[in-house]
């Protein structure tokens, strides 16, 4: 079924590239090594796309150097040897990978096992995840730290996904950023050049703790 879906998409004239998004290289990389029929199908789709001069890629999600196991390395090298392009999208997570040195180590490890470090994403404003979010300043400082310490083609794009349909924007492309209020603004010329899109730094940890305590008290009362 996987090969049917992939080849059907590639046969559509206006589709020039496809990607498969999966965390499998981080959480279950042994599947690429043990399920040879499944791996062969992915390689077959990649080869078919190449024959049409269309790009096929796997987009995986590795967020910390500790996720790069020996099995991950073996699986990614297998894909590299068989001509499958793999890119990585990392989410910036407070206390997990928001240290520039940790991120630098992750990028180096990914490059060493032939996974292209494509994106580092600012955490989205998702209910219940405020603790993991970081200020815009964190991702800006991280990009400054990384650039110049690794070859340019290995530097990921440091990105935000804007609320309100603004799409993906480079973190450093803000129009304004008030670190006191934590409010930043962006424009998205390809979507609406006259509209400002807003991004908000996370709540202070004390505020998050207060919210959690109030929530627990509310649940206990009911």
N, C-alpha and C. Protein backbone atom coordinates (compact mmCIF):
# COMPACT_ATOMS: atom_id res chain seq x y z
N UNK A 1 0.82 -1.21 0.00
CA UNK A 1 0.00 0.00 0.00
C UNK A 1 0.86 1.27 0.00
N UNK A 2 1.96 1.26 0.78
CA UNK A 2 2.83 2.43 0.85
C UNK A 2 3.38 2.80 -0.52
N UNK A 3 3.82 1.79 -1.28
CA UNK A 3 4.38 2.07 -2.59
C UNK A 3 3.32 2.55 -3.57
N UNK A 4 2.09 2.04 -3.43
CA UNK A 4 1.00 2.48 -4.30
C UNK A 4 0.70 3.96 -4.07
N UNK A 5 0.62 4.35 -2.78
CA UNK A 5 0.35 5.74 -2.45
C UNK A 5 1.47 6.64 -2.97
N UNK A 6 2.72 6.24 -2.68
CA UNK A 6 3.86 7.06 -3.09
C UNK A 6 3.94 7.22 -4.60
N UNK A 7 3.82 6.11 -5.34
CA UNK A 7 3.95 6.18 -6.80
C UNK A 7 2.77 6.90 -7.44
N UNK A 8 1.58 6.75 -6.84
CA UNK A 8 0.41 7.46 -7.37
C UNK A 8 0.60 8.97 -7.25
N UNK A 9 1.12 9.40 -6.12
CA UNK A 9 1.38 10.83 -5.93
C UNK A 9 2.45 11.32 -6.90
N UNK A 10 3.51 10.56 -7.05
CA UNK A 10 4.60 10.97 -7.93
C UNK A 10 4.18 11.01 -9.40
N UNK A 11 3.18 10.24 -9.75
CA UNK A 11 2.69 10.22 -11.13
C UNK A 11 1.83 11.43 -11.47
N UNK A 12 1.44 12.21 -10.45
CA UNK A 12 0.66 13.42 -10.70
C UNK A 12 1.61 14.50 -11.22
N UNK A 13 1.39 15.03 -12.42
CA UNK A 13 2.38 15.92 -13.05
C UNK A 13 2.81 17.11 -12.21
N UNK A 14 1.86 17.75 -11.52
CA UNK A 14 2.23 18.99 -10.81
C UNK A 14 2.87 18.73 -9.45
N UNK A 15 2.90 17.49 -8.99
CA UNK A 15 3.59 17.17 -7.74
C UNK A 15 5.06 16.90 -8.05
N UNK A 16 5.93 17.72 -7.51
CA UNK A 16 7.36 17.64 -7.81
C UNK A 16 8.17 16.99 -6.70
N UNK A 17 7.59 16.87 -5.51
CA UNK A 17 8.33 16.27 -4.39
C UNK A 17 7.33 15.81 -3.33
N UNK A 18 7.68 14.75 -2.62
CA UNK A 18 6.85 14.28 -1.51
C UNK A 18 7.75 13.96 -0.33
N UNK A 19 7.16 13.92 0.85
CA UNK A 19 7.90 13.58 2.06
C UNK A 19 7.04 12.72 2.96
N UNK A 20 7.69 11.85 3.71
CA UNK A 20 7.04 11.02 4.71
C UNK A 20 7.50 11.52 6.08
N UNK A 21 6.57 11.98 6.92
CA UNK A 21 6.92 12.49 8.24
C UNK A 21 6.73 11.39 9.28
N UNK A 22 7.77 11.13 10.07
CA UNK A 22 7.70 10.05 11.05
C UNK A 22 8.77 10.23 12.12
N UNK A 23 8.45 9.82 13.35
CA UNK A 23 9.43 9.82 14.44
C UNK A 23 10.14 8.48 14.55
N UNK A 24 9.93 7.60 13.60
CA UNK A 24 10.38 6.23 13.75
C UNK A 24 11.90 6.11 13.92
N UNK A 25 12.67 7.00 13.31
CA UNK A 25 14.12 6.92 13.47
C UNK A 25 14.55 7.22 14.90
N UNK A 26 13.71 7.92 15.66
CA UNK A 26 14.01 8.22 17.06
C UNK A 26 13.47 7.16 18.00
N UNK A 27 12.27 6.65 17.72
CA UNK A 27 11.60 5.78 18.69
C UNK A 27 11.63 4.30 18.33
N UNK A 28 11.75 3.97 17.05
CA UNK A 28 11.76 2.57 16.65
C UNK A 28 12.60 2.37 15.38
N UNK A 29 13.88 2.78 15.42
CA UNK A 29 14.70 2.71 14.21
C UNK A 29 14.96 1.30 13.73
N UNK A 30 14.80 0.32 14.65
CA UNK A 30 15.05 -1.08 14.26
C UNK A 30 14.09 -1.56 13.18
N UNK A 31 12.97 -0.87 12.98
CA UNK A 31 12.03 -1.28 11.93
C UNK A 31 12.68 -1.22 10.56
N UNK A 32 13.53 -0.21 10.35
CA UNK A 32 14.23 -0.11 9.06
C UNK A 32 15.18 -1.29 8.86
N UNK A 33 15.66 -1.88 9.94
CA UNK A 33 16.65 -2.95 9.85
C UNK A 33 16.01 -4.33 9.82
N UNK A 34 14.86 -4.48 10.48
CA UNK A 34 14.23 -5.80 10.59
C UNK A 34 13.10 -6.03 9.60
N UNK A 35 12.37 -4.97 9.28
CA UNK A 35 11.24 -5.10 8.35
C UNK A 35 11.75 -4.74 6.94
N UNK A 36 12.46 -5.67 6.35
CA UNK A 36 13.13 -5.38 5.07
C UNK A 36 12.13 -5.10 3.95
N UNK A 37 10.98 -5.76 3.98
CA UNK A 37 9.98 -5.52 2.93
C UNK A 37 9.49 -4.07 2.99
N UNK A 38 9.25 -3.57 4.19
CA UNK A 38 8.78 -2.19 4.37
C UNK A 38 9.87 -1.20 3.94
N UNK A 39 11.10 -1.46 4.35
CA UNK A 39 12.21 -0.58 3.97
C UNK A 39 12.42 -0.60 2.47
N UNK A 40 12.31 -1.77 1.87
CA UNK A 40 12.47 -1.87 0.42
C UNK A 40 11.43 -1.03 -0.32
N UNK A 41 10.22 -0.97 0.23
CA UNK A 41 9.17 -0.17 -0.40
C UNK A 41 9.51 1.32 -0.37
N UNK A 42 10.06 1.78 0.75
CA UNK A 42 10.45 3.18 0.86
C UNK A 42 11.57 3.49 -0.15
N UNK A 43 12.54 2.59 -0.22
CA UNK A 43 13.64 2.78 -1.18
C UNK A 43 13.09 2.76 -2.61
N UNK A 44 12.15 1.89 -2.86
CA UNK A 44 11.55 1.78 -4.20
C UNK A 44 10.86 3.08 -4.59
N UNK A 45 10.13 3.69 -3.63
CA UNK A 45 9.47 4.97 -3.91
C UNK A 45 10.51 6.06 -4.17
N UNK A 46 11.56 6.06 -3.35
CA UNK A 46 12.64 7.05 -3.53
C UNK A 46 13.29 6.89 -4.90
N UNK A 47 13.57 5.67 -5.28
CA UNK A 47 14.19 5.41 -6.58
C UNK A 47 13.25 5.81 -7.73
N UNK A 48 11.96 5.53 -7.55
CA UNK A 48 10.99 5.88 -8.59
C UNK A 48 10.92 7.40 -8.75
N UNK A 49 10.90 8.11 -7.62
CA UNK A 49 10.89 9.57 -7.69
C UNK A 49 12.13 10.10 -8.39
N UNK A 50 13.28 9.51 -8.08
CA UNK A 50 14.53 9.95 -8.70
C UNK A 50 14.48 9.72 -10.21
N UNK A 51 13.87 8.62 -10.64
CA UNK A 51 13.78 8.34 -12.09
C UNK A 51 12.93 9.38 -12.81
N UNK A 52 12.04 10.04 -12.04
CA UNK A 52 11.19 11.09 -12.61
C UNK A 52 11.76 12.49 -12.32
N UNK A 53 12.96 12.53 -11.72
CA UNK A 53 13.56 13.80 -11.29
C UNK A 53 12.68 14.51 -10.28
N UNK A 54 12.06 13.71 -9.40
CA UNK A 54 11.24 14.23 -8.32
C UNK A 54 11.83 13.75 -6.99
N UNK A 55 11.81 14.64 -6.00
CA UNK A 55 12.47 14.35 -4.73
C UNK A 55 11.53 13.66 -3.75
N UNK A 56 12.03 12.61 -3.13
CA UNK A 56 11.31 11.91 -2.06
C UNK A 56 12.19 11.97 -0.82
N UNK A 57 11.60 12.36 0.32
CA UNK A 57 12.38 12.49 1.54
C UNK A 57 11.60 11.97 2.73
N UNK A 58 12.34 11.54 3.74
CA UNK A 58 11.77 11.24 5.05
C UNK A 58 12.06 12.42 5.96
N UNK A 59 11.03 12.92 6.64
CA UNK A 59 11.22 13.97 7.64
C UNK A 59 11.00 13.34 9.01
N UNK A 60 12.06 13.31 9.81
CA UNK A 60 11.95 12.72 11.14
C UNK A 60 12.02 13.79 12.21
N UNK A 61 11.86 13.38 13.47
CA UNK A 61 11.73 14.35 14.56
C UNK A 61 12.58 13.89 15.74
N UNK A 62 13.83 14.28 15.75
CA UNK A 62 14.76 13.97 16.84
C UNK A 62 15.06 15.26 17.57
N UNK A 63 14.82 15.27 18.88
CA UNK A 63 14.89 16.51 19.65
C UNK A 63 16.08 16.62 20.60
N UNK A 64 16.78 15.52 20.83
CA UNK A 64 17.87 15.54 21.81
C UNK A 64 18.93 14.52 21.40
N UNK A 65 20.22 14.81 21.67
CA UNK A 65 21.28 13.87 21.31
C UNK A 65 21.07 12.46 21.88
N UNK A 66 20.41 12.37 23.04
CA UNK A 66 20.19 11.06 23.66
C UNK A 66 19.28 10.17 22.82
N UNK A 67 18.53 10.76 21.90
CA UNK A 67 17.66 9.97 21.03
C UNK A 67 18.43 9.33 19.87
N UNK A 68 19.66 9.76 19.65
CA UNK A 68 20.46 9.22 18.56
C UNK A 68 21.21 7.99 19.08
N UNK A 69 20.58 6.84 18.95
CA UNK A 69 21.17 5.60 19.43
C UNK A 69 22.02 4.95 18.35
N UNK A 70 22.72 3.88 18.72
CA UNK A 70 23.49 3.12 17.73
C UNK A 70 22.57 2.56 16.66
N UNK A 71 21.36 2.19 17.06
CA UNK A 71 20.40 1.65 16.09
C UNK A 71 19.91 2.75 15.15
N UNK A 72 19.71 3.94 15.69
CA UNK A 72 19.35 5.08 14.83
C UNK A 72 20.44 5.32 13.79
N UNK A 73 21.68 5.29 14.24
CA UNK A 73 22.81 5.49 13.33
C UNK A 73 22.84 4.40 12.25
N UNK A 74 22.65 3.17 12.66
CA UNK A 74 22.68 2.06 11.70
C UNK A 74 21.56 2.20 10.68
N UNK A 75 20.37 2.56 11.17
CA UNK A 75 19.21 2.70 10.26
C UNK A 75 19.39 3.87 9.30
N UNK A 76 19.86 5.01 9.82
CA UNK A 76 20.01 6.18 8.95
C UNK A 76 21.13 5.97 7.93
N UNK A 77 22.18 5.28 8.32
CA UNK A 77 23.25 4.99 7.36
C UNK A 77 22.79 4.01 6.28
N UNK A 78 21.92 3.08 6.67
CA UNK A 78 21.34 2.18 5.67
C UNK A 78 20.54 2.97 4.63
N UNK A 79 19.72 3.90 5.11
CA UNK A 79 18.94 4.72 4.19
C UNK A 79 19.84 5.57 3.30
N UNK A 80 20.91 6.10 3.88
CA UNK A 80 21.85 6.91 3.10
C UNK A 80 22.51 6.08 1.99
N UNK A 81 22.94 4.88 2.33
CA UNK A 81 23.59 4.01 1.35
C UNK A 81 22.64 3.63 0.22
N UNK A 82 21.36 3.59 0.55
CA UNK A 82 20.37 3.20 -0.47
C UNK A 82 19.72 4.41 -1.14
N UNK A 83 20.27 5.60 -0.87
CA UNK A 83 19.86 6.77 -1.62
C UNK A 83 18.63 7.50 -1.13
N UNK A 84 18.22 7.25 0.14
CA UNK A 84 17.03 7.90 0.68
C UNK A 84 17.44 9.15 1.46
N UNK A 85 16.87 10.29 1.11
CA UNK A 85 17.14 11.55 1.78
C UNK A 85 16.36 11.63 3.08
N UNK A 86 17.05 12.01 4.17
CA UNK A 86 16.39 12.16 5.47
C UNK A 86 16.68 13.55 6.02
N UNK A 87 15.63 14.24 6.42
CA UNK A 87 15.75 15.55 7.06
C UNK A 87 15.19 15.46 8.49
N UNK A 88 15.65 16.35 9.35
CA UNK A 88 15.17 16.36 10.73
C UNK A 88 14.53 17.69 11.09
N UNK A 89 13.43 17.61 11.83
CA UNK A 89 12.77 18.80 12.37
C UNK A 89 12.75 18.67 13.90
N UNK A 90 13.40 19.61 14.57
CA UNK A 90 13.49 19.60 16.02
C UNK A 90 12.57 20.65 16.61
N UNK A 91 11.93 20.33 17.72
CA UNK A 91 11.14 21.31 18.46
C UNK A 91 11.95 21.76 19.67
N UNK A 92 12.03 23.07 19.86
CA UNK A 92 12.76 23.63 20.99
C UNK A 92 11.94 23.43 22.26
N UNK A 93 12.54 22.75 23.25
CA UNK A 93 11.82 22.37 24.47
C UNK A 93 12.59 22.85 25.70
N UNK A 94 11.92 23.60 26.53
CA UNK A 94 12.55 24.13 27.74
C UNK A 94 13.07 23.00 28.63
N UNK A 95 14.29 23.17 29.13
CA UNK A 95 15.02 22.25 30.02
C UNK A 95 15.45 20.95 29.33
N UNK A 96 15.08 20.77 28.06
CA UNK A 96 15.44 19.55 27.35
C UNK A 96 16.52 19.83 26.31
N UNK A 97 16.27 20.78 25.43
CA UNK A 97 17.26 21.08 24.38
C UNK A 97 17.45 22.57 24.16
N UNK A 98 17.08 23.39 25.15
CA UNK A 98 17.20 24.84 24.97
C UNK A 98 18.58 25.37 25.35
N UNK A 99 19.50 24.49 25.64
CA UNK A 99 20.90 24.86 25.86
C UNK A 99 21.61 24.84 24.50
N UNK A 100 22.23 25.94 24.07
CA UNK A 100 22.89 25.97 22.76
C UNK A 100 23.90 24.85 22.56
N UNK A 101 24.60 24.46 23.62
CA UNK A 101 25.59 23.38 23.49
C UNK A 101 24.92 22.04 23.23
N UNK A 102 23.76 21.81 23.84
CA UNK A 102 23.00 20.58 23.59
C UNK A 102 22.52 20.57 22.14
N UNK A 103 21.99 21.70 21.67
CA UNK A 103 21.51 21.77 20.30
C UNK A 103 22.66 21.59 19.31
N UNK A 104 23.81 22.17 19.63
CA UNK A 104 24.97 22.02 18.76
C UNK A 104 25.39 20.56 18.67
N UNK A 105 25.36 19.86 19.80
CA UNK A 105 25.71 18.44 19.81
C UNK A 105 24.72 17.63 18.98
N UNK A 106 23.44 17.96 19.09
CA UNK A 106 22.42 17.27 18.30
C UNK A 106 22.67 17.47 16.81
N UNK A 107 22.92 18.70 16.40
CA UNK A 107 23.15 19.00 14.99
C UNK A 107 24.36 18.23 14.47
N UNK A 108 25.44 18.21 15.24
CA UNK A 108 26.63 17.48 14.82
C UNK A 108 26.36 15.99 14.68
N UNK A 109 25.63 15.43 15.64
CA UNK A 109 25.33 14.00 15.58
C UNK A 109 24.46 13.67 14.36
N UNK A 110 23.49 14.54 14.09
CA UNK A 110 22.64 14.31 12.92
C UNK A 110 23.45 14.35 11.63
N UNK A 111 24.32 15.33 11.51
CA UNK A 111 25.16 15.43 10.32
C UNK A 111 26.06 14.20 10.17
N UNK A 112 26.57 13.70 11.29
CA UNK A 112 27.47 12.55 11.26
C UNK A 112 26.78 11.27 10.79
N UNK A 113 25.46 11.20 10.97
CA UNK A 113 24.74 10.00 10.52
C UNK A 113 23.89 10.29 9.29
N UNK A 114 24.25 11.37 8.60
CA UNK A 114 23.65 11.70 7.29
C UNK A 114 22.16 12.03 7.36
N UNK A 115 21.79 12.70 8.46
CA UNK A 115 20.45 13.27 8.57
C UNK A 115 20.60 14.78 8.52
N UNK A 116 19.92 15.43 7.57
CA UNK A 116 20.05 16.86 7.38
C UNK A 116 19.23 17.61 8.42
N UNK A 117 19.85 18.46 9.26
CA UNK A 117 19.11 19.22 10.28
C UNK A 117 18.36 20.39 9.65
N UNK A 118 17.13 20.14 9.29
CA UNK A 118 16.34 21.03 8.44
C UNK A 118 15.76 22.21 9.22
N UNK A 119 15.03 21.93 10.30
CA UNK A 119 14.36 22.97 11.08
C UNK A 119 14.65 22.80 12.57
N UNK A 120 14.70 23.95 13.28
CA UNK A 120 14.50 24.00 14.72
C UNK A 120 13.30 24.91 14.93
N UNK A 121 12.24 24.35 15.48
CA UNK A 121 10.98 25.08 15.62
C UNK A 121 10.78 25.61 17.03
N UNK A 122 10.35 26.87 17.13
CA UNK A 122 9.84 27.39 18.38
C UNK A 122 8.57 26.61 18.72
N UNK A 123 8.43 26.21 19.97
CA UNK A 123 7.26 25.43 20.39
C UNK A 123 5.98 26.23 20.14
N UNK A 124 4.99 25.58 19.57
CA UNK A 124 3.70 26.24 19.32
C UNK A 124 2.98 26.55 20.63
N UNK A 125 2.04 27.47 20.55
CA UNK A 125 1.20 27.79 21.70
C UNK A 125 0.11 26.72 21.79
N UNK A 126 0.41 25.66 22.52
CA UNK A 126 -0.50 24.52 22.65
C UNK A 126 -0.96 24.41 24.09
N UNK A 127 -2.24 24.23 24.30
CA UNK A 127 -2.80 24.13 25.64
C UNK A 127 -2.13 22.99 26.41
N UNK A 128 -1.72 23.29 27.64
CA UNK A 128 -1.12 22.28 28.49
C UNK A 128 0.37 22.10 28.31
N UNK A 129 0.98 22.87 27.40
CA UNK A 129 2.41 22.71 27.09
C UNK A 129 3.23 23.96 27.40
N UNK A 130 2.66 24.88 28.16
CA UNK A 130 3.33 26.15 28.40
C UNK A 130 4.70 25.97 29.05
N UNK A 131 4.82 24.97 29.90
CA UNK A 131 6.08 24.74 30.61
C UNK A 131 7.24 24.50 29.63
N UNK A 132 6.95 23.88 28.49
CA UNK A 132 8.01 23.52 27.54
C UNK A 132 8.38 24.65 26.59
N UNK A 133 7.58 25.71 26.55
CA UNK A 133 7.85 26.80 25.63
C UNK A 133 9.00 27.67 26.13
N UNK A 134 9.69 28.30 25.19
CA UNK A 134 10.82 29.17 25.50
C UNK A 134 10.58 30.55 24.90
N UNK A 135 11.19 31.59 25.47
CA UNK A 135 11.07 32.93 24.88
C UNK A 135 11.70 32.98 23.50
N UNK A 136 11.27 33.94 22.71
CA UNK A 136 11.86 34.13 21.39
C UNK A 136 13.36 34.36 21.50
N UNK A 137 13.80 35.05 22.56
CA UNK A 137 15.21 35.34 22.75
C UNK A 137 16.05 34.05 22.78
N UNK A 138 15.49 32.97 23.30
CA UNK A 138 16.23 31.71 23.39
C UNK A 138 16.60 31.19 22.02
N UNK A 139 15.66 31.19 21.09
CA UNK A 139 15.94 30.65 19.76
C UNK A 139 16.83 31.61 18.97
N UNK A 140 16.69 32.91 19.23
CA UNK A 140 17.56 33.89 18.56
C UNK A 140 19.01 33.72 19.02
N UNK A 141 19.20 33.58 20.33
CA UNK A 141 20.55 33.38 20.86
C UNK A 141 21.14 32.05 20.40
N UNK A 142 20.27 31.05 20.27
CA UNK A 142 20.74 29.73 19.84
C UNK A 142 21.26 29.78 18.41
N UNK A 143 20.56 30.49 17.54
CA UNK A 143 21.02 30.61 16.16
C UNK A 143 22.36 31.33 16.10
N UNK A 144 22.51 32.37 16.89
CA UNK A 144 23.79 33.09 16.92
C UNK A 144 24.92 32.17 17.36
N UNK A 145 24.63 31.30 18.31
CA UNK A 145 25.65 30.39 18.83
C UNK A 145 26.05 29.35 17.79
N UNK A 146 25.07 28.82 17.08
CA UNK A 146 25.31 27.73 16.13
C UNK A 146 26.04 28.21 14.88
N UNK A 147 25.63 29.37 14.36
CA UNK A 147 26.23 29.85 13.11
C UNK A 147 27.72 30.14 13.32
N UNK A 148 28.52 29.62 12.41
CA UNK A 148 29.96 29.80 12.50
C UNK A 148 30.67 28.66 13.20
N UNK A 149 29.88 27.79 13.88
CA UNK A 149 30.47 26.65 14.57
C UNK A 149 30.32 25.36 13.77
N UNK A 150 29.61 25.43 12.67
CA UNK A 150 29.42 24.27 11.81
C UNK A 150 29.26 24.78 10.39
N UNK A 151 29.56 23.94 9.42
CA UNK A 151 29.43 24.34 8.02
C UNK A 151 28.03 24.88 7.74
N UNK A 152 27.97 25.89 6.88
CA UNK A 152 26.70 26.56 6.60
C UNK A 152 25.59 25.63 6.17
N UNK A 153 25.91 24.59 5.38
CA UNK A 153 24.86 23.69 4.89
C UNK A 153 24.32 22.81 6.02
N UNK A 154 24.96 22.82 7.19
CA UNK A 154 24.48 22.03 8.32
C UNK A 154 23.72 22.85 9.34
N UNK A 155 23.56 24.15 9.08
CA UNK A 155 22.84 25.01 10.02
C UNK A 155 21.34 24.95 9.71
N UNK A 156 20.53 24.54 10.68
CA UNK A 156 19.09 24.47 10.42
C UNK A 156 18.46 25.86 10.36
N UNK A 157 17.26 25.92 9.83
CA UNK A 157 16.46 27.13 9.88
C UNK A 157 15.76 27.20 11.24
N UNK A 158 15.91 28.31 11.93
CA UNK A 158 15.28 28.50 13.24
C UNK A 158 13.96 29.22 13.02
N UNK A 159 12.86 28.54 13.28
CA UNK A 159 11.56 28.95 12.76
C UNK A 159 10.48 29.09 13.83
N UNK A 160 9.43 29.84 13.44
CA UNK A 160 8.18 29.88 14.18
C UNK A 160 7.05 29.58 13.20
N UNK A 161 6.00 28.96 13.71
CA UNK A 161 4.78 28.75 12.92
C UNK A 161 3.76 29.72 13.49
N UNK A 162 3.43 30.75 12.71
CA UNK A 162 2.65 31.86 13.23
C UNK A 162 1.18 31.49 13.47
N UNK A 163 0.64 32.03 14.54
CA UNK A 163 -0.80 31.90 14.78
C UNK A 163 -1.56 32.73 13.74
N UNK A 164 -2.78 32.34 13.50
CA UNK A 164 -3.63 33.13 12.61
C UNK A 164 -3.36 32.92 11.14
N UNK A 165 -2.66 31.83 10.80
CA UNK A 165 -2.45 31.52 9.39
C UNK A 165 -1.30 32.25 8.75
N UNK A 166 -0.34 32.71 9.54
CA UNK A 166 0.80 33.43 8.98
C UNK A 166 1.87 32.54 8.40
N UNK A 167 1.76 31.23 8.63
CA UNK A 167 2.74 30.30 8.08
C UNK A 167 4.05 30.30 8.85
N UNK A 168 5.05 29.69 8.26
CA UNK A 168 6.36 29.58 8.90
C UNK A 168 7.20 30.83 8.61
N UNK A 169 7.81 31.35 9.67
CA UNK A 169 8.66 32.52 9.53
C UNK A 169 9.98 32.27 10.26
N UNK A 170 11.07 32.78 9.70
CA UNK A 170 12.34 32.73 10.40
C UNK A 170 12.24 33.51 11.70
N UNK A 171 12.74 32.93 12.78
CA UNK A 171 12.65 33.60 14.08
C UNK A 171 13.30 34.98 14.05
N UNK A 172 14.41 35.09 13.32
CA UNK A 172 15.16 36.35 13.27
C UNK A 172 14.51 37.40 12.36
N UNK A 173 13.40 37.04 11.72
CA UNK A 173 12.77 37.99 10.78
C UNK A 173 11.68 38.83 11.43
N UNK A 174 11.66 38.88 12.75
CA UNK A 174 10.61 39.66 13.44
C UNK A 174 10.67 41.13 13.05
N UNK A 175 9.51 41.76 13.09
CA UNK A 175 9.42 43.20 12.87
C UNK A 175 9.70 43.96 14.16
N UNK A 176 9.23 43.42 15.27
CA UNK A 176 9.48 44.02 16.58
C UNK A 176 9.48 42.92 17.62
N UNK A 177 10.21 43.17 18.71
CA UNK A 177 10.24 42.22 19.81
C UNK A 177 10.50 42.98 21.10
N UNK A 178 9.52 42.99 21.97
CA UNK A 178 9.63 43.62 23.28
C UNK A 178 9.88 42.51 24.30
N UNK A 179 11.10 42.42 24.79
CA UNK A 179 11.44 41.34 25.72
C UNK A 179 10.80 41.55 27.09
N UNK A 180 10.36 42.77 27.39
CA UNK A 180 9.69 43.02 28.66
C UNK A 180 8.28 42.44 28.66
N UNK A 181 7.53 42.71 27.60
CA UNK A 181 6.17 42.17 27.50
C UNK A 181 6.15 40.77 26.91
N UNK A 182 7.22 40.41 26.19
CA UNK A 182 7.27 39.11 25.53
C UNK A 182 6.48 39.04 24.25
N UNK A 183 6.11 40.19 23.70
CA UNK A 183 5.31 40.23 22.47
C UNK A 183 6.21 40.56 21.28
N UNK A 184 6.11 39.75 20.25
CA UNK A 184 6.84 40.00 19.00
C UNK A 184 5.86 40.02 17.84
N UNK A 185 6.25 40.71 16.78
CA UNK A 185 5.39 40.79 15.60
C UNK A 185 6.16 40.37 14.36
N UNK A 186 5.43 39.80 13.43
CA UNK A 186 6.01 39.33 12.16
C UNK A 186 5.06 39.70 11.03
N UNK A 187 5.60 39.78 9.83
CA UNK A 187 4.76 39.87 8.64
C UNK A 187 5.04 38.67 7.76
N UNK A 188 4.07 38.34 6.94
CA UNK A 188 4.19 37.21 6.03
C UNK A 188 3.83 37.68 4.63
N UNK A 189 4.80 38.25 3.89
CA UNK A 189 4.50 38.89 2.61
C UNK A 189 3.78 38.00 1.61
N UNK A 190 4.09 36.71 1.60
CA UNK A 190 3.47 35.81 0.62
C UNK A 190 2.00 35.55 0.94
N UNK A 191 1.59 35.83 2.19
CA UNK A 191 0.21 35.56 2.60
C UNK A 191 -0.58 36.85 2.71
N UNK A 192 -0.07 37.80 3.50
CA UNK A 192 -0.74 39.08 3.66
C UNK A 192 0.29 40.10 4.14
N UNK A 193 0.84 40.86 3.22
CA UNK A 193 1.94 41.77 3.52
C UNK A 193 1.52 42.93 4.42
N UNK A 194 0.22 43.18 4.54
CA UNK A 194 -0.24 44.32 5.33
C UNK A 194 -0.68 43.92 6.74
N UNK A 195 -0.63 42.64 7.05
CA UNK A 195 -1.11 42.16 8.35
C UNK A 195 0.05 41.83 9.27
N UNK A 196 -0.06 42.21 10.54
CA UNK A 196 0.92 41.84 11.55
C UNK A 196 0.45 40.56 12.24
N UNK A 197 1.37 39.63 12.37
CA UNK A 197 1.09 38.40 13.11
C UNK A 197 1.85 38.46 14.43
N UNK A 198 1.17 38.07 15.50
CA UNK A 198 1.74 38.22 16.84
C UNK A 198 2.22 36.87 17.38
N UNK A 199 3.33 36.97 18.12
CA UNK A 199 3.83 35.81 18.85
C UNK A 199 4.07 36.23 20.29
N UNK A 200 3.83 35.31 21.23
CA UNK A 200 3.91 35.64 22.65
C UNK A 200 4.87 34.69 23.36
N UNK A 201 5.79 35.26 24.12
CA UNK A 201 6.66 34.46 24.96
C UNK A 201 5.83 33.70 25.99
N UNK A 202 6.38 32.62 26.54
CA UNK A 202 5.62 31.86 27.54
C UNK A 202 5.39 32.66 28.82
N UNK A 203 4.38 32.24 29.58
CA UNK A 203 4.13 32.84 30.88
C UNK A 203 5.31 32.57 31.80
N UNK A 204 5.58 33.47 32.75
CA UNK A 204 6.60 33.17 33.75
C UNK A 204 6.27 31.87 34.47
N UNK A 205 7.30 31.14 34.89
CA UNK A 205 7.08 29.86 35.55
C UNK A 205 6.20 29.99 36.77
N UNK A 206 6.32 31.11 37.49
CA UNK A 206 5.50 31.31 38.68
C UNK A 206 4.01 31.35 38.31
N UNK A 207 3.71 31.96 37.16
CA UNK A 207 2.32 32.04 36.71
C UNK A 207 1.81 30.67 36.33
N UNK A 208 2.66 29.86 35.69
CA UNK A 208 2.26 28.51 35.31
C UNK A 208 1.97 27.68 36.56
N UNK A 209 2.85 27.82 37.58
CA UNK A 209 2.66 27.08 38.82
C UNK A 209 1.36 27.48 39.50
N UNK A 210 1.05 28.78 39.48
CA UNK A 210 -0.18 29.27 40.08
C UNK A 210 -1.39 28.70 39.35
N UNK A 211 -1.33 28.69 38.01
CA UNK A 211 -2.42 28.14 37.22
C UNK A 211 -2.64 26.67 37.54
N UNK A 212 -1.53 25.91 37.65
CA UNK A 212 -1.64 24.49 37.94
C UNK A 212 -2.26 24.26 39.31
N UNK A 213 -1.83 25.05 40.30
CA UNK A 213 -2.38 24.90 41.65
C UNK A 213 -3.88 25.21 41.68
N UNK A 214 -4.27 26.27 40.96
CA UNK A 214 -5.68 26.63 40.90
C UNK A 214 -6.49 25.54 40.22
N UNK A 215 -5.91 24.94 39.17
CA UNK A 215 -6.59 23.87 38.46
C UNK A 215 -6.78 22.65 39.37
N UNK A 216 -5.72 22.29 40.12
CA UNK A 216 -5.82 21.16 41.03
C UNK A 216 -6.84 21.41 42.13
N UNK A 217 -6.87 22.65 42.65
CA UNK A 217 -7.85 22.98 43.69
C UNK A 217 -9.26 22.89 43.15
N UNK A 218 -9.44 23.35 41.90
CA UNK A 218 -10.77 23.30 41.27
C UNK A 218 -11.23 21.84 41.11
N UNK A 219 -10.31 20.99 40.66
CA UNK A 219 -10.66 19.57 40.47
C UNK A 219 -10.97 18.92 41.81
N UNK A 220 -10.18 19.27 42.84
CA UNK A 220 -10.41 18.67 44.16
C UNK A 220 -11.76 19.09 44.74
N UNK A 221 -12.16 20.32 44.41
CA UNK A 221 -13.43 20.84 44.96
C UNK A 221 -14.64 20.20 44.28
N UNK A 222 -14.39 19.61 43.11
CA UNK A 222 -15.51 19.01 42.36
C UNK A 222 -15.34 17.50 42.24
